[in-house]
Protein backbone atom coordinates (compact mmCIF):
# COMPACT_ATOMS: atom_id res chain seq x y z
CA MET A 1 4.00 -93.60 -146.11
CA MET A 2 6.93 -93.67 -143.75
CA LYS A 3 9.30 -90.92 -142.81
CA ARG A 4 12.66 -91.02 -144.54
CA LYS A 5 14.77 -93.04 -142.10
CA GLU A 6 17.26 -95.76 -142.92
CA PHE A 7 18.36 -98.45 -140.49
CA ILE A 8 19.00 -102.10 -141.19
CA LEU A 9 16.71 -103.37 -138.48
CA GLY A 10 12.95 -102.96 -138.29
CA ALA A 11 10.01 -103.50 -140.58
CA ALA A 12 8.59 -100.80 -142.83
CA VAL A 13 5.18 -100.29 -144.36
CA GLY A 14 4.29 -98.17 -147.35
CA LEU A 15 7.05 -95.90 -148.60
CA THR A 16 10.29 -97.34 -147.18
CA PHE A 17 13.49 -95.51 -147.89
CA ALA A 18 16.28 -97.63 -149.22
CA ALA A 19 18.57 -97.10 -152.16
CA ALA A 20 19.77 -99.03 -155.10
CA ALA A 21 21.06 -98.70 -158.60
CA THR A 22 20.34 -100.61 -161.70
CA ALA A 23 22.23 -101.36 -164.87
CA GLY A 24 21.33 -103.68 -167.57
CA GLY A 25 22.52 -106.31 -169.94
CA VAL A 26 22.09 -106.38 -173.67
CA ILE A 27 19.26 -107.86 -175.64
CA ASP A 28 18.41 -107.95 -179.33
CA TRP A 29 14.89 -106.62 -179.63
CA PRO A 30 12.72 -108.53 -182.10
CA GLY A 31 12.41 -106.59 -185.31
CA ALA A 32 15.19 -104.14 -184.42
CA ASN A 33 17.09 -104.87 -187.63
CA ALA A 34 14.36 -106.67 -189.52
CA ALA A 35 13.16 -105.70 -192.97
CA GLU A 36 9.76 -104.12 -193.46
CA ARG A 37 6.85 -106.52 -193.49
CA PRO A 38 3.10 -106.17 -193.76
CA THR A 39 1.40 -105.40 -190.47
CA ALA A 40 -2.10 -105.17 -189.16
CA ALA A 41 -3.53 -101.66 -189.07
CA GLY A 42 -2.43 -99.79 -185.95
CA ARG A 43 0.21 -102.30 -184.94
CA LEU A 44 3.39 -100.76 -183.48
CA ILE A 45 6.74 -102.19 -184.60
CA PRO A 46 9.68 -101.83 -182.15
CA SER A 47 12.51 -99.79 -183.64
CA ALA A 48 16.09 -99.03 -182.61
CA GLY A 49 16.18 -95.77 -184.53
CA ALA A 50 18.13 -92.65 -183.77
CA ALA A 51 15.97 -91.70 -180.81
CA GLY A 52 17.13 -94.79 -178.93
CA LEU A 53 20.87 -94.57 -179.64
CA ALA A 54 21.80 -92.79 -176.40
CA PHE A 55 21.00 -95.92 -174.38
CA ALA A 56 21.37 -98.61 -177.09
CA PRO A 57 23.59 -101.55 -176.08
CA PRO A 58 27.16 -101.06 -177.32
CA GLN A 59 28.23 -103.20 -180.25
CA GLY A 60 29.41 -106.62 -179.06
CA ALA A 61 28.22 -106.13 -175.47
CA PRO A 62 27.87 -109.39 -173.51
CA LEU A 63 24.53 -110.70 -172.36
CA SER A 64 25.64 -110.26 -168.75
CA PHE A 65 26.06 -107.53 -166.17
CA ALA A 66 29.34 -108.97 -164.88
CA ASP A 67 31.65 -106.63 -166.79
CA ILE A 68 29.65 -103.58 -165.70
CA PHE A 69 29.69 -104.71 -162.07
CA GLU A 70 33.44 -105.26 -162.10
CA GLN A 71 33.91 -101.83 -163.62
CA VAL A 72 31.82 -99.83 -161.10
CA ALA A 73 31.83 -101.90 -157.89
CA PRO A 74 35.13 -100.44 -156.52
CA ALA A 75 33.47 -97.00 -156.39
CA VAL A 76 30.50 -98.17 -154.30
CA VAL A 77 30.87 -98.17 -150.51
CA GLN A 78 29.02 -99.26 -147.40
CA ILE A 79 28.28 -96.52 -144.87
CA ASP A 80 27.81 -97.42 -141.20
CA VAL A 81 26.55 -94.71 -138.83
CA GLU A 82 25.93 -94.20 -135.15
CA THR A 83 23.19 -91.79 -134.07
CA PRO A 84 22.24 -90.65 -130.57
CA VAL A 85 19.16 -92.11 -128.92
CA GLU A 86 17.37 -90.30 -126.12
CA ARG A 87 16.74 -92.33 -123.01
CA PRO A 88 12.99 -93.03 -122.69
CA ARG A 89 11.21 -90.76 -120.25
CA GLY A 90 10.64 -92.40 -116.93
CA GLY A 91 12.86 -95.30 -117.94
CA VAL A 92 10.06 -96.88 -119.98
CA ILE A 93 11.05 -98.55 -123.23
CA PRO A 94 8.14 -98.41 -125.72
CA ILE A 95 7.02 -101.44 -127.70
CA PRO A 96 7.12 -100.68 -131.45
CA GLY A 97 3.66 -100.60 -132.97
CA LEU A 98 1.90 -100.42 -129.58
CA PRO A 99 1.77 -96.77 -128.54
CA GLY A 100 1.16 -96.31 -124.84
CA PHE A 101 2.65 -99.69 -123.92
CA GLY A 102 6.16 -100.54 -122.80
CA PHE A 103 8.29 -102.03 -120.09
CA GLN A 104 10.53 -100.60 -117.41
CA ALA A 105 14.16 -100.35 -118.43
CA PRO A 106 16.63 -101.77 -115.90
CA ASP A 107 18.40 -99.03 -113.94
CA THR A 108 22.09 -99.92 -113.82
CA GLN A 109 23.30 -96.39 -113.14
CA GLN A 110 24.95 -95.93 -109.76
CA PRO A 111 24.37 -92.80 -107.68
CA GLY A 112 26.70 -90.01 -108.78
CA GLU A 113 27.51 -91.67 -112.11
CA GLU A 114 26.89 -89.86 -115.37
CA GLU A 115 24.58 -91.62 -117.76
CA GLU A 116 26.40 -93.07 -120.76
CA PRO A 117 25.06 -91.80 -124.10
CA ARG A 118 22.89 -94.26 -125.98
CA THR A 119 23.41 -94.78 -129.70
CA ALA A 120 21.65 -96.60 -132.51
CA GLN A 121 23.44 -98.14 -135.46
CA GLY A 122 22.34 -97.95 -139.06
CA ALA A 123 23.74 -98.61 -142.50
CA GLY A 124 23.38 -97.32 -146.01
CA SER A 125 25.28 -97.05 -149.26
CA GLY A 126 27.25 -94.42 -151.16
CA PHE A 127 29.71 -93.96 -154.01
CA PHE A 128 32.89 -92.04 -154.79
CA ILE A 129 32.55 -89.15 -157.24
CA SER A 130 36.17 -87.99 -157.05
CA ALA A 131 39.60 -89.55 -156.61
CA ASP A 132 40.27 -87.50 -153.48
CA GLY A 133 37.55 -89.10 -151.36
CA PHE A 134 34.24 -87.28 -151.86
CA ILE A 135 31.27 -89.66 -151.49
CA VAL A 136 27.59 -89.12 -152.35
CA THR A 137 24.87 -90.67 -150.21
CA ASN A 138 21.39 -89.85 -148.91
CA ASN A 139 20.78 -87.21 -146.28
CA HIS A 140 18.62 -89.63 -144.31
CA VAL A 141 21.55 -92.08 -144.07
CA VAL A 142 23.89 -89.64 -142.29
CA ALA A 143 21.52 -87.11 -140.69
CA ASN A 144 22.33 -86.68 -136.97
CA ALA A 145 25.19 -89.20 -137.20
CA THR A 146 27.85 -88.88 -134.49
CA LYS A 147 30.14 -91.39 -136.18
CA ILE A 148 30.45 -92.36 -139.86
CA THR A 149 32.46 -95.37 -141.02
CA VAL A 150 33.02 -96.05 -144.71
CA LYS A 151 33.76 -99.62 -145.82
CA LEU A 152 35.37 -99.99 -149.23
CA SER A 153 35.00 -102.92 -151.61
CA ASP A 154 38.60 -104.00 -150.86
CA GLY A 155 37.81 -104.36 -147.15
CA ARG A 156 39.33 -101.13 -145.89
CA GLU A 157 37.44 -99.13 -143.25
CA LEU A 158 37.88 -95.33 -143.17
CA ALA A 159 36.45 -92.61 -140.96
CA GLY A 160 33.95 -90.44 -142.82
CA ARG A 161 33.38 -86.70 -142.32
CA LEU A 162 30.14 -84.94 -143.22
CA VAL A 163 30.83 -82.19 -145.78
CA GLY A 164 27.27 -81.00 -146.36
CA ARG A 165 23.71 -82.17 -146.77
CA ASP A 166 20.47 -80.99 -148.32
CA GLN A 167 17.29 -82.25 -146.71
CA ASP A 168 15.07 -80.95 -149.51
CA THR A 169 16.61 -83.37 -152.05
CA ASP A 170 17.72 -86.04 -149.54
CA LEU A 171 21.34 -85.73 -150.68
CA ALA A 172 24.55 -85.54 -148.67
CA VAL A 173 28.29 -85.52 -149.31
CA ILE A 174 30.84 -87.08 -146.96
CA LYS A 175 34.61 -87.35 -147.31
CA VAL A 176 37.34 -89.79 -146.39
CA GLU A 177 41.04 -88.97 -146.33
CA GLY A 178 43.15 -90.38 -149.12
CA ASN A 179 43.79 -90.25 -152.87
CA ASP A 180 43.47 -92.40 -155.97
CA PHE A 181 40.05 -93.75 -155.07
CA LYS A 182 38.12 -95.33 -157.93
CA PHE A 183 35.16 -93.10 -158.73
CA VAL A 184 32.20 -92.84 -161.08
CA SER A 185 30.52 -89.91 -162.83
CA PHE A 186 26.99 -88.59 -163.18
CA GLU A 187 25.40 -88.81 -166.64
CA GLU A 188 23.60 -85.57 -167.45
CA THR A 189 23.47 -85.42 -171.25
CA ALA A 190 21.45 -88.55 -172.09
CA ASP A 191 18.12 -89.00 -170.31
CA PRO A 192 17.16 -92.59 -169.56
CA ARG A 193 13.91 -93.70 -171.12
CA VAL A 194 11.26 -95.99 -169.70
CA GLY A 195 12.42 -99.49 -170.56
CA ASP A 196 16.19 -98.78 -170.47
CA TRP A 197 18.32 -101.24 -168.53
CA VAL A 198 19.78 -100.23 -165.18
CA ILE A 199 21.86 -101.92 -162.46
CA ALA A 200 21.94 -101.26 -158.73
CA VAL A 201 24.98 -101.83 -156.52
CA GLY A 202 24.71 -101.34 -152.79
CA ASN A 203 24.54 -102.63 -149.25
CA PRO A 204 21.12 -104.25 -148.61
CA PHE A 205 20.69 -105.40 -145.01
CA GLY A 206 24.41 -104.77 -144.43
CA LEU A 207 25.45 -107.51 -146.86
CA GLY A 208 27.54 -105.15 -149.00
CA GLY A 209 28.67 -105.51 -152.63
CA THR A 210 25.26 -106.56 -153.97
CA ALA A 211 24.13 -106.00 -157.56
CA THR A 212 20.59 -106.15 -158.89
CA ALA A 213 19.32 -105.36 -162.39
CA GLY A 214 16.10 -104.09 -163.92
CA ILE A 215 14.72 -101.32 -166.08
CA VAL A 216 13.52 -97.76 -165.75
CA SER A 217 9.83 -98.25 -164.95
CA ALA A 218 8.70 -94.60 -165.03
CA ARG A 219 10.02 -91.06 -164.96
CA ALA A 220 9.14 -87.86 -163.12
CA ARG A 221 7.44 -89.67 -160.26
CA GLU A 222 6.06 -87.79 -157.28
CA ILE A 223 6.12 -90.04 -154.22
CA GLY A 224 4.07 -87.95 -151.80
CA ASP A 225 7.04 -87.14 -149.59
CA SER A 226 6.81 -83.50 -148.51
CA SER A 227 10.40 -83.49 -147.26
CA THR A 228 11.76 -83.68 -150.84
CA PRO A 229 9.57 -81.27 -152.81
CA TYR A 230 12.15 -80.58 -155.54
CA THR A 231 12.68 -84.10 -156.87
CA ASP A 232 11.05 -85.86 -159.83
CA TYR A 233 12.10 -89.43 -159.13
CA LEU A 234 13.11 -92.16 -161.55
CA GLN A 235 11.14 -95.32 -160.81
CA ILE A 236 13.08 -98.57 -161.26
CA ASP A 237 12.22 -102.22 -160.74
CA ALA A 238 15.65 -103.52 -159.71
CA ALA A 239 15.43 -105.15 -156.28
CA ILE A 240 16.48 -102.65 -153.60
CA ASN A 241 16.05 -102.97 -149.87
CA ARG A 242 16.91 -101.33 -146.56
CA GLY A 243 20.60 -100.48 -146.58
CA ASN A 244 20.68 -99.64 -150.30
CA SER A 245 19.91 -95.97 -149.60
CA GLY A 246 22.45 -93.62 -151.15
CA GLY A 247 23.75 -96.16 -153.63
CA PRO A 248 24.04 -95.43 -157.37
CA THR A 249 21.79 -96.38 -160.25
CA PHE A 250 23.94 -97.15 -163.30
CA ASP A 251 23.12 -97.38 -166.98
CA ILE A 252 24.67 -100.07 -169.17
CA TYR A 253 27.72 -97.89 -169.75
CA GLY A 254 28.50 -97.65 -166.02
CA ARG A 255 27.35 -94.02 -165.76
CA VAL A 256 25.40 -92.87 -162.71
CA ILE A 257 21.87 -91.90 -163.73
CA GLY A 258 20.41 -91.73 -160.23
CA VAL A 259 20.88 -91.97 -156.47
CA ASN A 260 18.60 -94.55 -154.88
CA SER A 261 16.50 -93.12 -152.11
CA ALA A 262 13.20 -94.91 -151.52
CA ILE A 263 11.06 -97.94 -152.18
CA PHE A 264 7.32 -98.43 -152.07
CA SER A 265 6.43 -101.60 -150.23
CA PRO A 266 3.61 -102.98 -148.07
CA THR A 267 6.11 -105.30 -146.37
CA GLY A 268 9.33 -103.29 -146.06
CA GLY A 269 11.05 -105.51 -148.62
CA SER A 270 11.48 -105.05 -152.33
CA VAL A 271 8.38 -105.48 -154.48
CA GLY A 272 9.93 -104.00 -157.59
CA ILE A 273 9.05 -100.33 -157.02
CA GLY A 274 12.09 -98.23 -156.22
CA PHE A 275 12.85 -94.53 -156.60
CA ALA A 276 16.11 -92.79 -157.51
CA ILE A 277 17.03 -89.10 -157.51
CA PRO A 278 17.89 -88.22 -161.15
CA ALA A 279 21.52 -87.47 -161.98
CA ASN A 280 20.90 -83.90 -163.12
CA ILE A 281 19.43 -82.98 -159.73
CA ALA A 282 22.04 -84.96 -157.77
CA LYS A 283 25.03 -83.47 -159.59
CA SER A 284 23.87 -79.88 -159.23
CA VAL A 285 23.33 -80.24 -155.49
CA THR A 286 26.42 -82.35 -154.71
CA ASP A 287 28.72 -80.03 -156.68
CA ARG A 288 27.62 -77.14 -154.47
CA LEU A 289 27.94 -79.21 -151.30
CA MET A 290 31.48 -80.28 -152.26
CA SER A 291 32.51 -76.66 -152.73
CA GLY A 292 31.07 -75.65 -149.36
CA GLN A 293 28.21 -73.60 -150.80
CA ALA A 294 24.92 -73.25 -148.96
CA ILE A 295 21.93 -74.64 -150.87
CA GLN A 296 19.61 -71.67 -151.30
CA ARG A 297 16.25 -71.73 -153.07
CA GLY A 298 13.56 -69.22 -153.87
CA TYR A 299 10.66 -68.82 -151.47
CA LEU A 300 7.16 -67.34 -151.63
CA GLY A 301 5.84 -68.22 -148.19
CA VAL A 302 2.56 -69.86 -149.15
CA GLN A 303 0.70 -73.04 -148.32
CA ILE A 304 -0.50 -74.52 -151.61
CA THR A 305 -2.42 -77.50 -152.91
CA THR A 306 -3.71 -78.85 -156.21
CA LEU A 307 -7.46 -78.59 -156.71
CA SER A 308 -9.29 -81.88 -157.02
CA ASP A 309 -11.97 -82.57 -159.62
CA ALA A 310 -14.61 -82.36 -156.87
CA GLN A 311 -13.33 -78.95 -155.75
CA ARG A 312 -13.33 -77.59 -159.31
CA ALA A 313 -16.84 -78.95 -159.85
CA ALA A 314 -18.05 -77.16 -156.71
CA SER A 315 -16.66 -73.80 -157.89
CA ASP A 316 -17.44 -71.59 -160.85
CA LEU A 317 -13.98 -72.10 -162.34
CA PRO A 318 -13.75 -73.46 -165.88
CA ALA A 319 -13.65 -77.26 -165.79
CA ASP A 320 -10.17 -77.35 -167.33
CA THR A 321 -8.64 -74.88 -164.86
CA GLU A 322 -5.26 -76.07 -163.62
CA GLY A 323 -2.93 -74.41 -161.18
CA ALA A 324 -1.74 -74.18 -157.59
CA TYR A 325 -4.39 -73.15 -155.07
CA VAL A 326 -3.11 -70.84 -152.34
CA ALA A 327 -4.63 -72.08 -149.08
CA ASP A 328 -2.68 -69.72 -146.82
CA VAL A 329 -0.05 -66.98 -147.00
CA THR A 330 2.69 -66.57 -144.40
CA ALA A 331 2.28 -63.20 -142.71
CA GLY A 332 5.14 -60.89 -143.67
CA GLY A 333 6.54 -63.35 -146.23
CA PRO A 334 7.41 -62.53 -149.85
CA GLY A 335 3.99 -63.59 -151.13
CA ASP A 336 2.19 -61.54 -148.51
CA ARG A 337 4.30 -58.46 -149.30
CA GLY A 338 3.71 -58.98 -153.02
CA GLY A 339 -0.08 -59.12 -152.73
CA LEU A 340 -0.84 -62.87 -152.83
CA ARG A 341 -3.96 -63.86 -150.91
CA ALA A 342 -5.47 -67.08 -149.68
CA GLY A 343 -7.86 -68.34 -152.34
CA ASP A 344 -5.71 -67.22 -155.29
CA ILE A 345 -4.96 -69.81 -157.98
CA VAL A 346 -1.52 -69.48 -159.58
CA VAL A 347 -1.74 -70.51 -163.25
CA LYS A 348 1.54 -69.14 -164.65
CA LEU A 349 4.99 -68.26 -163.32
CA ASN A 350 7.31 -66.19 -165.51
CA GLY A 351 5.25 -67.22 -168.52
CA ASP A 352 5.35 -70.97 -167.81
CA ASP A 353 2.11 -72.83 -167.14
CA ILE A 354 1.59 -74.03 -163.56
CA THR A 355 -0.59 -77.15 -163.48
CA THR A 356 -0.03 -78.42 -159.93
CA SER A 357 1.21 -77.24 -156.55
CA THR A 358 4.35 -79.34 -157.06
CA ALA A 359 5.11 -77.48 -160.30
CA LEU A 360 4.90 -74.14 -158.49
CA THR A 361 7.11 -75.34 -155.63
CA ARG A 362 9.82 -76.50 -158.04
CA GLN A 363 9.64 -73.42 -160.25
CA VAL A 364 9.99 -71.11 -157.26
CA GLY A 365 12.76 -73.30 -155.84
CA GLN A 366 14.78 -72.84 -159.01
CA ALA A 367 14.75 -69.07 -158.59
CA ALA A 368 17.57 -67.34 -156.79
CA PRO A 369 16.70 -65.34 -153.69
CA GLY A 370 15.97 -61.79 -154.81
CA ASP A 371 14.74 -62.76 -158.29
CA GLU A 372 11.51 -61.17 -159.48
CA LEU A 373 8.70 -63.68 -160.00
CA ARG A 374 5.83 -62.77 -162.33
CA LEU A 375 2.74 -64.68 -161.25
CA GLU A 376 -0.49 -64.89 -163.20
CA ILE A 377 -3.38 -65.72 -160.90
CA PHE A 378 -7.13 -66.29 -160.82
CA ARG A 379 -8.81 -64.18 -158.15
CA GLU A 380 -12.58 -63.92 -157.77
CA GLY A 381 -13.08 -65.10 -161.34
CA ARG A 382 -10.58 -62.69 -162.96
CA ARG A 383 -6.99 -63.04 -164.11
CA GLN A 384 -4.43 -60.76 -162.52
CA THR A 385 -0.65 -60.44 -162.62
CA LEU A 386 1.56 -59.97 -159.56
CA ASN A 387 5.27 -59.21 -159.46
CA ILE A 388 6.84 -60.64 -156.32
CA ARG A 389 10.49 -60.63 -155.26
CA SER A 390 11.58 -64.10 -154.15
CA GLY A 391 12.79 -64.66 -150.62
CA THR A 392 15.15 -67.37 -149.34
CA ARG A 393 13.58 -70.69 -148.40
CA PRO A 394 14.25 -71.36 -144.68
CA ALA A 395 16.44 -74.40 -144.04
CA ASP A 396 14.02 -75.63 -141.35
CA ILE A 397 10.84 -74.79 -143.23
CA ASN A 398 9.02 -77.96 -142.13
CA ALA A 399 9.78 -77.26 -138.49
CA THR A 400 8.80 -73.64 -139.01
CA ALA A 401 5.49 -74.65 -140.52
CA GLN A 402 4.74 -76.94 -137.62
CA GLY A 403 5.94 -74.43 -135.08
CA GLY A 404 3.80 -71.74 -136.63
CA GLN A 405 0.66 -73.50 -135.54
CA ASP A 406 0.86 -72.23 -132.00
CA GLU A 407 -2.80 -71.53 -131.64
CA THR A 408 -4.44 -73.94 -129.27
CA SER A 409 -7.46 -76.00 -130.22
CA PRO A 410 -10.74 -75.16 -128.57
CA ASP A 411 -11.43 -77.02 -125.35
CA PRO A 412 -14.20 -79.52 -126.14
CA GLU A 413 -15.17 -79.68 -122.47
CA ARG A 414 -15.93 -75.97 -122.31
CA PRO A 415 -19.46 -75.25 -123.55
CA VAL A 416 -20.01 -72.53 -126.09
CA ALA A 417 -23.42 -70.98 -126.38
CA PRO A 418 -24.54 -71.29 -130.02
CA ALA A 419 -25.01 -67.90 -131.62
CA GLY A 420 -25.76 -66.63 -135.08
CA GLU A 421 -27.76 -68.16 -137.92
CA VAL A 422 -27.99 -71.76 -139.09
CA VAL A 423 -27.09 -72.50 -142.72
CA GLU A 424 -26.56 -76.04 -144.01
CA GLY A 425 -26.35 -77.37 -140.46
CA LEU A 426 -23.71 -74.81 -139.45
CA THR A 427 -24.38 -72.13 -136.88
CA LEU A 428 -22.46 -69.13 -138.22
CA THR A 429 -21.66 -65.72 -136.82
CA PRO A 430 -19.27 -62.94 -137.79
CA LEU A 431 -16.00 -62.86 -135.85
CA THR A 432 -15.84 -60.82 -132.65
CA ASP A 433 -12.99 -60.19 -130.24
CA ALA A 434 -14.58 -62.60 -127.77
CA LEU A 435 -14.79 -65.37 -130.36
CA ARG A 436 -11.20 -64.75 -131.45
CA THR A 437 -10.10 -65.18 -127.86
CA ARG A 438 -12.30 -68.23 -127.29
CA PHE A 439 -11.03 -70.10 -130.36
CA SER A 440 -7.50 -68.59 -130.56
CA ILE A 441 -8.15 -67.09 -134.01
CA PRO A 442 -5.41 -64.68 -135.20
CA GLU A 443 -6.28 -61.08 -136.07
CA ARG A 444 -5.42 -61.57 -139.75
CA ILE A 445 -8.18 -64.21 -140.18
CA GLU A 446 -11.52 -62.87 -141.38
CA GLY A 447 -14.79 -64.66 -142.05
CA LEU A 448 -17.65 -66.48 -140.33
CA VAL A 449 -16.90 -68.58 -137.28
CA VAL A 450 -18.72 -71.89 -136.73
CA THR A 451 -20.17 -71.91 -133.22
CA ALA A 452 -22.21 -75.13 -133.49
CA VAL A 453 -22.78 -78.03 -135.89
CA ALA A 454 -26.07 -79.93 -136.22
CA SER A 455 -25.34 -83.55 -135.35
CA THR A 456 -27.42 -84.95 -138.25
CA SER A 457 -26.02 -82.62 -140.92
CA GLN A 458 -23.59 -83.35 -143.71
CA ALA A 459 -21.27 -80.80 -142.12
CA ALA A 460 -21.11 -82.95 -138.98
CA ARG A 461 -20.33 -86.03 -141.07
CA ASP A 462 -17.54 -83.99 -142.71
CA ARG A 463 -16.20 -83.23 -139.21
CA TYR A 464 -16.79 -79.50 -139.09
CA GLN A 465 -16.21 -78.26 -135.55
CA PRO A 466 -16.89 -75.13 -133.50
CA GLY A 467 -14.02 -72.74 -134.02
CA PHE A 468 -13.65 -73.36 -137.76
CA VAL A 469 -13.73 -70.14 -139.77
CA ILE A 470 -15.23 -69.98 -143.26
CA GLN A 471 -13.09 -67.38 -145.01
CA GLN A 472 -14.19 -67.79 -148.63
CA ALA A 473 -17.03 -69.36 -150.58
CA ASN A 474 -16.37 -70.08 -154.25
CA GLY A 475 -13.23 -67.94 -154.16
CA ARG A 476 -14.91 -64.86 -152.73
CA PRO A 477 -14.63 -63.50 -149.17
CA VAL A 478 -17.54 -64.05 -146.79
CA ARG A 479 -17.94 -61.57 -143.96
CA THR A 480 -21.67 -61.92 -143.16
CA VAL A 481 -24.15 -64.75 -143.03
CA ALA A 482 -25.92 -63.06 -145.95
CA ASP A 483 -22.72 -63.48 -148.01
CA PHE A 484 -22.73 -67.19 -147.23
CA ARG A 485 -26.43 -67.63 -147.99
CA ALA A 486 -25.91 -65.90 -151.34
CA ALA A 487 -23.06 -68.26 -152.18
CA VAL A 488 -25.20 -71.30 -151.33
CA ALA A 489 -28.06 -69.94 -153.47
CA ALA A 490 -25.68 -69.28 -156.40
CA ALA A 491 -24.34 -72.82 -156.22
CA ARG A 492 -27.84 -74.29 -156.20
CA SER A 493 -28.96 -72.15 -159.14
CA ALA A 494 -25.88 -73.30 -161.08
CA GLY A 495 -26.89 -76.92 -160.47
CA ARG A 496 -23.88 -77.71 -158.27
CA GLU A 497 -24.19 -80.23 -155.45
CA GLY A 498 -21.48 -78.68 -153.32
CA LEU A 499 -19.96 -75.33 -152.36
CA PHE A 500 -16.21 -74.75 -152.57
CA LEU A 501 -14.93 -73.21 -149.32
CA LEU A 502 -11.66 -72.06 -147.78
CA VAL A 503 -11.86 -72.97 -144.11
CA ARG A 504 -9.46 -72.11 -141.32
CA THR A 505 -8.96 -74.98 -138.83
CA PRO A 506 -6.63 -75.23 -135.80
CA GLU A 507 -4.20 -77.08 -138.10
CA GLY A 508 -4.25 -74.37 -140.77
CA ASN A 509 -6.25 -73.39 -143.84
CA ALA A 510 -7.88 -76.08 -145.98
CA PRO A 511 -9.84 -75.95 -149.25
CA VAL A 512 -12.93 -78.14 -148.85
CA VAL A 513 -16.26 -78.88 -150.52
CA LEU A 514 -19.40 -78.56 -148.39
CA GLU A 515 -22.00 -80.95 -149.77
CA LEU A 516 -25.31 -79.10 -149.97
CA SER A 517 -28.47 -80.60 -148.54
CA LYS A 518 -31.20 -81.67 -150.95
CA PRO A 519 -33.93 -79.00 -151.30
CA GLU A 520 -37.21 -80.13 -149.76
């Protein structure tokens, strides 16, 4: 998966961010108005009943997208941006795809001259949502832009001004001066269904004014992009490519049902898998950006993940347990103050079931800062309820999370004398001040530190390293080697092949399964 960055030039692999919109033509579905007829048992007959009316083709609609395109195209714009580029250190220009290699940049700067700023050029798409010049696009199209130029369908070029942006949904609003611009509206009342026609209009590869058509392929998609945790994407199969980012996805009535943001592709080009931010999310965020409001979301201050089948199987949780596993809690954050601990599993929030970590993130994000959150959790095999007052999600939370890992990794060249007892190939010892200093382990971390790993053990194959700290085994704290041995014995007696652990690494806490050795 690639980071969310949109320039016309360059190849992309995996998740490539581009935008597009899709609208559809009209087709008479076989059997839509047909009389009843005998069918084989279990056979499904297509129907255009009441449930499908919201997106049914209008009476007399042409079998073409031309009328729709003519109707909406004047509202779609091309967005050209300039962003600053840092001069390579030492004057070396790197070769893309070959880290560590490059060539010396020519030095044309004369003594005493100031270096001219370097810029890169990129392009995306956008669309008017008001007659007075407000334009919606993607955050990744205009982020860090020093110059924004908006090209209209009639050939005019206008200077754009950034009004506001929200990294967490990849949305931004810019504005051009003027009035009486043709604009389009978000559709919030009728949800598109899988199979509904859509049309995309945008600026692929800087070509401008391009329309592609397809259908809604799926709804509520998670695309594995941690920078947009609050978006359930629409998946569409209309062809979208680099430069389409920020463009609208239309239904067959010319209403905006999404903002195109990403594609999945092994080549960087369209393979029929595109993703659009749904209209209900886009309208809520862009309305607040237009009015100058800050985008604030609730915040717990936890690192969470969804338990895998293997992790559930290695624990004594019921097989059908679903929820968000708390891998770590930010010291001094709302969750910490409210009593959340690493190893807790959040199964309900304000009475609503929590089935995944994404569900918890979005539920908390919908809360206003200061709201009380009632969490139902599993802790050490028992259900408990915690009442926690929501904080405000930091705007730079990703940078904060990365910056928070200021502990240094242990020096592999510095020998550490193995100490403690060996269990499952791990040499374990309770934490001491000396070991905390040696491995840069914070005071708030408790457990057994790994001081050595047997080279032929499963733990070595799983890349356990000296300095790792086993904090919990099967959801319960471990403070002594006897605690850990008891957890291993309990897992064996229960017939489990692995032991579910919470392990602190230099990169942060991680829930893992330690595969147990076969008894001799």
